[in-house]
Each structure stands twice: as structure tokens, then as C-alpha cells.
Amino acid sequence: MRIDKFLKVSRLIKRRTVAKEVAGAGRLQVNGQIAKAGTEVKPGDEVTIRYGRKIVKVRVESLENAAQKGEATSLYTTLEETKVDD
């Protein structure tokens, strides 16, 4: 599954277009490598997202084409959440 779609389905980012913008700005990594919006992810991959002053690192647990609001958090496990002071 493409990383931009995974971020939208898992509700880590609200819209797929926003996920594409985040990837285009270089604020998205998969397994330590800078990722493009079309980068494929699979269960076990570690995804790091930089939101302004916050960095979130998650592990992909499963891939679904769609998920209900309550099920979305079961698609990933949060490994680390850090606030950054610039």
C-alpha cells in the first residue's frame, strides 16, 4: 500500500493530499529513508512523520483499504512521540 493512502486510512493524517504534501516536503520517512508519497509500506515497517514541532514514529501493524474510526489505531503501534523545540 502507498504510504499516503496508509496515513489517510490510519487517520495519522486527515487527507491524502496533505500526506502527499508532507512527503513532498521531506518530512516523512519509512525505515529511516526519506519517503515519497508513492513509497510502498508493509507490516513491520517503521514510519516517522514530522508535524511542525512534533515527531511521531509508528510501526505498521496491518494494511486495510478502509477502516472505521475506532479501528484505525489498530493499523499501527506508536513507538515514539517527541516534541521538538526550534
PDB file of N, CA and C in Angstrom:
ATOM      1  N   MET A   1       0.851  -1.177   0.000  1.00  0.00           N
ATOM      2  CA  MET A   1       0.000   0.000   0.000  1.00  0.00           C
ATOM      3  C   MET A   1       0.897   1.241   0.000  1.00  0.00           C
ATOM      4  N   ARG A   2       0.475   2.256  -0.721  1.00  0.00           N
ATOM      5  CA  ARG A   2       1.211   3.517  -0.752  1.00  0.00           C
ATOM      6  C   ARG A   2       1.157   4.190   0.624  1.00  0.00           C
ATOM      7  N   ILE A   3       2.253   4.847   1.000  1.00  0.00           N
ATOM      8  CA  ILE A   3       2.319   5.495   2.307  1.00  0.00           C
ATOM      9  C   ILE A   3       1.270   6.593   2.455  1.00  0.00           C
ATOM     10  N   ASP A   4       0.987   7.343   1.389  1.00  0.00           N
ATOM     11  CA  ASP A   4      -0.011   8.410   1.516  1.00  0.00           C
ATOM     12  C   ASP A   4      -1.392   7.842   1.820  1.00  0.00           C
ATOM     13  N   LYS A   5      -1.736   6.716   1.213  1.00  0.00           N
ATOM     14  CA  LYS A   5      -3.036   6.092   1.485  1.00  0.00           C
ATOM     15  C   LYS A   5      -3.063   5.506   2.901  1.00  0.00           C
ATOM     16  N   PHE A   6      -1.968   4.860   3.325  1.00  0.00           N
ATOM     17  CA  PHE A   6      -1.915   4.301   4.677  1.00  0.00           C
ATOM     18  C   PHE A   6      -2.118   5.396   5.725  1.00  0.00           C
ATOM     19  N   LEU A   7      -1.464   6.533   5.556  1.00  0.00           N
ATOM     20  CA  LEU A   7      -1.590   7.624   6.528  1.00  0.00           C
ATOM     21  C   LEU A   7      -3.016   8.139   6.611  1.00  0.00           C
ATOM     22  N   LYS A   8      -3.710   8.174   5.483  1.00  0.00           N
ATOM     23  CA  LYS A   8      -5.107   8.618   5.466  1.00  0.00           C
ATOM     24  C   LYS A   8      -6.022   7.587   6.114  1.00  0.00           C
ATOM     25  N   VAL A   9      -5.885   6.303   5.735  1.00  0.00           N
ATOM     26  CA  VAL A   9      -6.747   5.247   6.276  1.00  0.00           C
ATOM     27  C   VAL A   9      -6.534   5.097   7.783  1.00  0.00           C
ATOM     28  N   SER A  10      -5.287   5.208   8.233  1.00  0.00           N
ATOM     29  CA  SER A  10      -4.976   5.058   9.657  1.00  0.00           C
ATOM     30  C   SER A  10      -5.300   6.315  10.458  1.00  0.00           C
ATOM     31  N   ARG A  11      -5.655   7.373   9.753  1.00  0.00           N
ATOM     32  CA  ARG A  11      -6.003   8.660  10.355  1.00  0.00           C
ATOM     33  C   ARG A  11      -4.827   9.340  11.071  1.00  0.00           C
ATOM     34  N   LEU A  12      -3.609   8.987  10.689  1.00  0.00           N
ATOM     35  CA  LEU A  12      -2.448   9.718  11.191  1.00  0.00           C
ATOM     36  C   LEU A  12      -2.397  11.100  10.540  1.00  0.00           C
ATOM     37  N   ILE A  13      -2.889  11.179   9.299  1.00  0.00           N
ATOM     38  CA  ILE A  13      -3.053  12.443   8.586  1.00  0.00           C
ATOM     39  C   ILE A  13      -4.457  12.418   7.997  1.00  0.00           C
ATOM     40  N   LYS A  14      -5.182  13.534   8.104  1.00  0.00           N
ATOM     41  CA  LYS A  14      -6.608  13.543   7.753  1.00  0.00           C
ATOM     42  C   LYS A  14      -6.910  13.331   6.277  1.00  0.00           C
ATOM     43  N   ARG A  15      -6.093  13.909   5.394  1.00  0.00           N
ATOM     44  CA  ARG A  15      -6.393  13.809   3.959  1.00  0.00           C
ATOM     45  C   ARG A  15      -5.173  13.316   3.201  1.00  0.00           C
ATOM     46  N   ARG A  16      -5.432  12.562   2.140  1.00  0.00           N
ATOM     47  CA  ARG A  16      -4.355  12.007   1.332  1.00  0.00           C
ATOM     48  C   ARG A  16      -3.535  13.116   0.672  1.00  0.00           C
ATOM     49  N   THR A  17      -4.177  14.195   0.273  1.00  0.00           N
ATOM     50  CA  THR A  17      -3.433  15.297  -0.346  1.00  0.00           C
ATOM     51  C   THR A  17      -2.460  15.930   0.646  1.00  0.00           C
ATOM     52  N   VAL A  18      -2.847  15.994   1.905  1.00  0.00           N
ATOM     53  CA  VAL A  18      -1.952  16.523   2.939  1.00  0.00           C
ATOM     54  C   VAL A  18      -0.781  15.560   3.134  1.00  0.00           C
ATOM     55  N   ALA A  19      -1.043  14.265   3.097  1.00  0.00           N
ATOM     56  CA  ALA A  19       0.023  13.267   3.215  1.00  0.00           C
ATOM     57  C   ALA A  19       1.022  13.420   2.067  1.00  0.00           C
ATOM     58  N   LYS A  20       0.527  13.701   0.867  1.00  0.00           N
ATOM     59  CA  LYS A  20       1.409  13.915  -0.286  1.00  0.00           C
ATOM     60  C   LYS A  20       2.274  15.153  -0.076  1.00  0.00           C
ATOM     61  N   GLU A  21       1.693  16.216   0.485  1.00  0.00           N
ATOM     62  CA  GLU A  21       2.444  17.440   0.752  1.00  0.00           C
ATOM     63  C   GLU A  21       3.527  17.200   1.801  1.00  0.00           C
ATOM     64  N   VAL A  22       3.204  16.445   2.841  1.00  0.00           N
ATOM     65  CA  VAL A  22       4.174  16.125   3.893  1.00  0.00           C
ATOM     66  C   VAL A  22       5.340  15.342   3.293  1.00  0.00           C
ATOM     67  N   ALA A  23       5.035  14.362   2.454  1.00  0.00           N
ATOM     68  CA  ALA A  23       6.081  13.569   1.805  1.00  0.00           C
ATOM     69  C   ALA A  23       6.915  14.446   0.875  1.00  0.00           C
ATOM     70  N   GLY A  24       6.263  15.309   0.123  1.00  0.00           N
ATOM     71  CA  GLY A  24       6.967  16.192  -0.803  1.00  0.00           C
ATOM     72  C   GLY A  24       7.902  17.163  -0.109  1.00  0.00           C
ATOM     73  N   ALA A  25       7.586  17.497   1.133  1.00  0.00           N
ATOM     74  CA  ALA A  25       8.417  18.416   1.915  1.00  0.00           C
ATOM     75  C   ALA A  25       9.561  17.691   2.623  1.00  0.00           C
ATOM     76  N   GLY A  26       9.652  16.366   2.461  1.00  0.00           N
ATOM     77  CA  GLY A  26      10.734  15.604   3.087  1.00  0.00           C
ATOM     78  C   GLY A  26      10.539  15.350   4.566  1.00  0.00           C
ATOM     79  N   ARG A  27       9.296  15.432   5.048  1.00  0.00           N
ATOM     80  CA  ARG A  27       9.023  15.253   6.477  1.00  0.00           C
ATOM     81  C   ARG A  27       8.496  13.862   6.803  1.00  0.00           C
ATOM     82  N   LEU A  28       8.704  12.922   5.893  1.00  0.00           N
ATOM     83  CA  LEU A  28       8.182  11.570   6.050  1.00  0.00           C
ATOM     84  C   LEU A  28       9.299  10.575   5.764  1.00  0.00           C
ATOM     85  N   GLN A  29       9.480   9.600   6.666  1.00  0.00           N
ATOM     86  CA  GLN A  29      10.499   8.568   6.473  1.00  0.00           C
ATOM     87  C   GLN A  29       9.884   7.193   6.674  1.00  0.00           C
ATOM     88  N   VAL A  30      10.370   6.229   5.898  1.00  0.00           N
ATOM     89  CA  VAL A  30       9.990   4.830   6.070  1.00  0.00           C
ATOM     90  C   VAL A  30      11.285   4.058   6.289  1.00  0.00           C
ATOM     91  N   ASN A  31      11.399   3.401   7.423  1.00  0.00           N
ATOM     92  CA  ASN A  31      12.597   2.646   7.795  1.00  0.00           C
ATOM     93  C   ASN A  31      13.864   3.498   7.683  1.00  0.00           C
ATOM     94  N   GLY A  32      13.769   4.760   8.112  1.00  0.00           N
ATOM     95  CA  GLY A  32      14.929   5.642   8.141  1.00  0.00           C
ATOM     96  C   GLY A  32      15.268   6.319   6.824  1.00  0.00           C
ATOM     97  N   GLN A  33      14.543   6.029   5.764  1.00  0.00           N
ATOM     98  CA  GLN A  33      14.794   6.625   4.450  1.00  0.00           C
ATOM     99  C   GLN A  33      13.695   7.633   4.131  1.00  0.00           C
ATOM    100  N   ILE A  34      14.065   8.779   3.579  1.00  0.00           N
ATOM    101  CA  ILE A  34      13.058   9.769   3.187  1.00  0.00           C
ATOM    102  C   ILE A  34      12.144   9.133   2.153  1.00  0.00           C
ATOM    103  N   ALA A  35      10.837   9.300   2.345  1.00  0.00           N
ATOM    104  CA  ALA A  35       9.846   8.631   1.501  1.00  0.00           C
ATOM    105  C   ALA A  35       9.085   9.618   0.634  1.00  0.00           C
ATOM    106  N   LYS A  36       8.713   9.145  -0.545  1.00  0.00           N
ATOM    107  CA  LYS A  36       7.819   9.890  -1.431  1.00  0.00           C
ATOM    108  C   LYS A  36       6.404   9.396  -1.163  1.00  0.00           C
ATOM    109  N   ALA A  37       5.408  10.100  -1.686  1.00  0.00           N
ATOM    110  CA  ALA A  37       4.006   9.732  -1.462  1.00  0.00           C
ATOM    111  C   ALA A  37       3.691   8.333  -1.976  1.00  0.00           C
ATOM    112  N   GLY A  38       4.383   7.883  -3.018  1.00  0.00           N
ATOM    113  CA  GLY A  38       4.114   6.578  -3.609  1.00  0.00           C
ATOM    114  C   GLY A  38       4.921   5.439  -3.023  1.00  0.00           C
ATOM    115  N   THR A  39       5.722   5.707  -1.995  1.00  0.00           N
ATOM    116  CA  THR A  39       6.518   4.656  -1.367  1.00  0.00           C
ATOM    117  C   THR A  39       5.601   3.590  -0.783  1.00  0.00           C
ATOM    118  N   GLU A  40       5.911   2.331  -1.072  1.00  0.00           N
ATOM    119  CA  GLU A  40       5.105   1.217  -0.568  1.00  0.00           C
ATOM    120  C   GLU A  40       5.489   0.906   0.880  1.00  0.00           C
ATOM    121  N   VAL A  41       4.484   0.624   1.704  1.00  0.00           N
ATOM    122  CA  VAL A  41       4.725   0.177   3.074  1.00  0.00           C
ATOM    123  C   VAL A  41       4.099  -1.194   3.262  1.00  0.00           C
ATOM    124  N   LYS A  42       4.654  -1.937   4.224  1.00  0.00           N
ATOM    125  CA  LYS A  42       4.136  -3.262   4.547  1.00  0.00           C
ATOM    126  C   LYS A  42       4.184  -3.430   6.062  1.00  0.00           C
ATOM    127  N   PRO A  43       3.456  -4.397   6.597  1.00  0.00           N
ATOM    128  CA  PRO A  43       3.501  -4.608   8.047  1.00  0.00           C
ATOM    129  C   PRO A  43       4.942  -4.803   8.530  1.00  0.00           C
ATOM    130  N   GLY A  44       5.260  -4.152   9.640  1.00  0.00           N
ATOM    131  CA  GLY A  44       6.599  -4.216  10.206  1.00  0.00           C
ATOM    132  C   GLY A  44       7.444  -2.990   9.891  1.00  0.00           C
ATOM    133  N   ASP A  45       7.064  -2.214   8.884  1.00  0.00           N
ATOM    134  CA  ASP A  45       7.803  -1.001   8.535  1.00  0.00           C
ATOM    135  C   ASP A  45       7.625   0.054   9.622  1.00  0.00           C
ATOM    136  N   GLU A  46       8.677   0.852   9.837  1.00  0.00           N
ATOM    137  CA  GLU A  46       8.610   1.959  10.784  1.00  0.00           C
ATOM    138  C   GLU A  46       8.493   3.264  10.008  1.00  0.00           C
ATOM    139  N   VAL A  47       7.486   4.051  10.354  1.00  0.00           N
ATOM    140  CA  VAL A  47       7.195   5.308   9.664  1.00  0.00           C
ATOM    141  C   VAL A  47       7.401   6.456  10.646  1.00  0.00           C
ATOM    142  N   THR A  48       8.166   7.463  10.230  1.00  0.00           N
ATOM    143  CA  THR A  48       8.403   8.647  11.047  1.00  0.00           C
ATOM    144  C   THR A  48       7.798   9.851  10.332  1.00  0.00           C
ATOM    145  N   ILE A  49       6.967  10.597  11.057  1.00  0.00           N
ATOM    146  CA  ILE A  49       6.280  11.756  10.496  1.00  0.00           C
ATOM    147  C   ILE A  49       6.631  12.977  11.336  1.00  0.00           C
ATOM    148  N   ARG A  50       7.006  14.058  10.666  1.00  0.00           N
ATOM    149  CA  ARG A  50       7.273  15.308  11.387  1.00  0.00           C
ATOM    150  C   ARG A  50       6.126  16.272  11.136  1.00  0.00           C
ATOM    151  N   TYR A  51       5.387  16.563  12.211  1.00  0.00           N
ATOM    152  CA  TYR A  51       4.288  17.536  12.167  1.00  0.00           C
ATOM    153  C   TYR A  51       4.788  18.784  12.865  1.00  0.00           C
ATOM    154  N   GLY A  52       5.162  19.799  12.160  1.00  0.00           N
ATOM    155  CA  GLY A  52       5.580  21.049  12.799  1.00  0.00           C
ATOM    156  C   GLY A  52       6.597  20.832  13.902  1.00  0.00           C
ATOM    157  N   ARG A  53       6.160  20.897  15.143  1.00  0.00           N
ATOM    158  CA  ARG A  53       7.061  20.737  16.295  1.00  0.00           C
ATOM    159  C   ARG A  53       6.949  19.373  16.966  1.00  0.00           C
ATOM    160  N   LYS A  54       6.363  18.414  16.288  1.00  0.00           N
ATOM    161  CA  LYS A  54       6.197  17.085  16.880  1.00  0.00           C
ATOM    162  C   LYS A  54       6.668  16.028  15.886  1.00  0.00           C
ATOM    163  N   ILE A  55       7.381  15.023  16.390  1.00  0.00           N
ATOM    164  CA  ILE A  55       7.815  13.897  15.566  1.00  0.00           C
ATOM    165  C   ILE A  55       7.168  12.642  16.129  1.00  0.00           C
ATOM    166  N   VAL A  56       6.491  11.898  15.258  1.00  0.00           N
ATOM    167  CA  VAL A  56       5.810  10.670  15.661  1.00  0.00           C
ATOM    168  C   VAL A  56       6.401   9.509  14.877  1.00  0.00           C
ATOM    169  N   LYS A  57       6.753   8.444  15.603  1.00  0.00           N
ATOM    170  CA  LYS A  57       7.290   7.240  14.974  1.00  0.00           C
ATOM    171  C   LYS A  57       6.332   6.093  15.272  1.00  0.00           C
ATOM    172  N   VAL A  58       5.867   5.406  14.213  1.00  0.00           N
ATOM    173  CA  VAL A  58       4.918   4.304  14.366  1.00  0.00           C
ATOM    174  C   VAL A  58       5.402   3.078  13.598  1.00  0.00           C
ATOM    175  N   ARG A  59       4.923   1.915  14.008  1.00  0.00           N
ATOM    176  CA  ARG A  59       5.174   0.670  13.282  1.00  0.00           C
ATOM    177  C   ARG A  59       3.879   0.251  12.614  1.00  0.00           C
ATOM    178  N   VAL A  60       3.935  -0.064  11.334  1.00  0.00           N
ATOM    179  CA  VAL A  60       2.764  -0.529  10.590  1.00  0.00           C
ATOM    180  C   VAL A  60       2.444  -1.944  11.063  1.00  0.00           C
ATOM    181  N   GLU A  61       1.214  -2.172  11.532  1.00  0.00           N
ATOM    182  CA  GLU A  61       0.797  -3.493  12.008  1.00  0.00           C
ATOM    183  C   GLU A  61      -0.011  -4.253  10.965  1.00  0.00           C
ATOM    184  N   SER A  62      -0.884  -3.548  10.248  1.00  0.00           N
ATOM    185  CA  SER A  62      -1.675  -4.198   9.199  1.00  0.00           C
ATOM    186  C   SER A  62      -2.101  -3.156   8.182  1.00  0.00           C
ATOM    187  N   LEU A  63      -2.501  -3.640   7.015  1.00  0.00           N
ATOM    188  CA  LEU A  63      -2.931  -2.763   5.931  1.00  0.00           C
ATOM    189  C   LEU A  63      -4.374  -3.064   5.588  1.00  0.00           C
ATOM    190  N   GLU A  64      -5.191  -2.039   5.547  1.00  0.00           N
ATOM    191  CA  GLU A  64      -6.604  -2.159   5.180  1.00  0.00           C
ATOM    192  C   GLU A  64      -6.915  -1.055   4.177  1.00  0.00           C
ATOM    193  N   ASN A  65      -7.807  -1.337   3.231  1.00  0.00           N
ATOM    194  CA  ASN A  65      -8.202  -0.311   2.261  1.00  0.00           C
ATOM    195  C   ASN A  65      -9.098   0.745   2.886  1.00  0.00           C
ATOM    196  N   ALA A  66      -9.786   0.378   3.954  1.00  0.00           N
ATOM    197  CA  ALA A  66     -10.650   1.306   4.679  1.00  0.00           C
ATOM    198  C   ALA A  66     -10.734   0.827   6.121  1.00  0.00           C
ATOM    199  N   ALA A  67     -10.939   1.766   7.040  1.00  0.00           N
ATOM    200  CA  ALA A  67     -11.057   1.409   8.453  1.00  0.00           C
ATOM    201  C   ALA A  67     -12.034   2.359   9.126  1.00  0.00           C
ATOM    202  N   GLN A  68     -12.844   1.813  10.012  1.00  0.00           N
ATOM    203  CA  GLN A  68     -13.743   2.638  10.806  1.00  0.00           C
ATOM    204  C   GLN A  68     -12.906   3.462  11.785  1.00  0.00           C
ATOM    205  N   LYS A  69     -13.473   4.529  12.278  1.00  0.00           N
ATOM    206  CA  LYS A  69     -12.749   5.425  13.176  1.00  0.00           C
ATOM    207  C   LYS A  69     -12.145   4.676  14.367  1.00  0.00           C
ATOM    208  N   GLY A  70     -12.903   3.794  14.979  1.00  0.00           N
ATOM    209  CA  GLY A  70     -12.418   3.052  16.138  1.00  0.00           C
ATOM    210  C   GLY A  70     -11.362   2.018  15.812  1.00  0.00           C
ATOM    211  N   GLU A  71     -11.323   1.557  14.569  1.00  0.00           N
ATOM    212  CA  GLU A  71     -10.369   0.525  14.155  1.00  0.00           C
ATOM    213  C   GLU A  71      -9.063   1.106  13.632  1.00  0.00           C
ATOM    214  N   ALA A  72      -9.040   2.380  13.310  1.00  0.00           N
ATOM    215  CA  ALA A  72      -7.883   2.990  12.655  1.00  0.00           C
ATOM    216  C   ALA A  72      -6.602   2.841  13.469  1.00  0.00           C
ATOM    217  N   THR A  73      -6.678   2.972  14.786  1.00  0.00           N
ATOM    218  CA  THR A  73      -5.467   2.882  15.602  1.00  0.00           C
ATOM    219  C   THR A  73      -4.912   1.468  15.679  1.00  0.00           C
ATOM    220  N   SER A  74      -5.684   0.459  15.281  1.00  0.00           N
ATOM    221  CA  SER A  74      -5.173  -0.914  15.286  1.00  0.00           C
ATOM    222  C   SER A  74      -4.268  -1.176  14.086  1.00  0.00           C
ATOM    223  N   LEU A  75      -4.197  -0.247  13.147  1.00  0.00           N
ATOM    224  CA  LEU A  75      -3.353  -0.416  11.968  1.00  0.00           C
ATOM    225  C   LEU A  75      -1.889  -0.102  12.255  1.00  0.00           C
ATOM    226  N   TYR A  76      -1.614   0.541  13.396  1.00  0.00           N
ATOM    227  CA  TYR A  76      -0.240   0.911  13.736  1.00  0.00           C
ATOM    228  C   TYR A  76      -0.038   0.886  15.245  1.00  0.00           C
ATOM    229  N   THR A  77       1.236   0.847  15.646  1.00  0.00           N
ATOM    230  CA  THR A  77       1.618   0.960  17.047  1.00  0.00           C
ATOM    231  C   THR A  77       2.525   2.174  17.171  1.00  0.00           C
ATOM    232  N   THR A  78       2.215   3.072  18.093  1.00  0.00           N
ATOM    233  CA  THR A  78       3.060   4.247  18.305  1.00  0.00           C
ATOM    234  C   THR A  78       4.304   3.820  19.070  1.00  0.00           C
ATOM    235  N   LEU A  79       5.469   4.086  18.490  1.00  0.00           N
ATOM    236  CA  LEU A  79       6.733   3.722  19.116  1.00  0.00           C
ATOM    237  C   LEU A  79       7.328   4.884  19.900  1.00  0.00           C
ATOM    238  N   GLU A  80       7.161   6.095  19.355  1.00  0.00           N
ATOM    239  CA  GLU A  80       7.789   7.261  19.967  1.00  0.00           C
ATOM    240  C   GLU A  80       7.045   8.521  19.541  1.00  0.00           C
ATOM    241  N   GLU A  81       6.938   9.457  20.460  1.00  0.00           N
ATOM    242  CA  GLU A  81       6.328  10.756  20.163  1.00  0.00           C
ATOM    243  C   GLU A  81       7.175  11.813  20.859  1.00  0.00           C
ATOM    244  N   THR A  82       7.782  12.698  20.079  1.00  0.00           N
ATOM    245  CA  THR A  82       8.723  13.668  20.609  1.00  0.00           C
ATOM    246  C   THR A  82       8.334  15.077  20.209  1.00  0.00           C
ATOM    247  N   LYS A  83       8.441  16.016  21.155  1.00  0.00           N
ATOM    248  CA  LYS A  83       8.232  17.429  20.835  1.00  0.00           C
ATOM    249  C   LYS A  83       9.598  18.036  20.551  1.00  0.00           C
ATOM    250  N   VAL A  84       9.645  18.883  19.519  1.00  0.00           N
ATOM    251  CA  VAL A  84      10.895  19.491  19.091  1.00  0.00           C
ATOM    252  C   VAL A  84      10.826  20.990  19.337  1.00  0.00           C
ATOM    253  N   ASP A  85      11.858  21.541  19.964  1.00  0.00           N
ATOM    254  CA  ASP A  85      11.948  22.984  20.174  1.00  0.00           C
ATOM    255  C   ASP A  85      12.901  23.554  19.142  1.00  0.00           C
ATOM    256  N   ASP A  86      12.404  24.447  18.299  1.00  0.00           N
ATOM    257  CA  ASP A  86      13.255  25.073  17.267  1.00  0.00           C
ATOM    258  C   ASP A  86      13.725  26.429  17.693  1.00  0.00           C
TER     259      ASP A  86
END
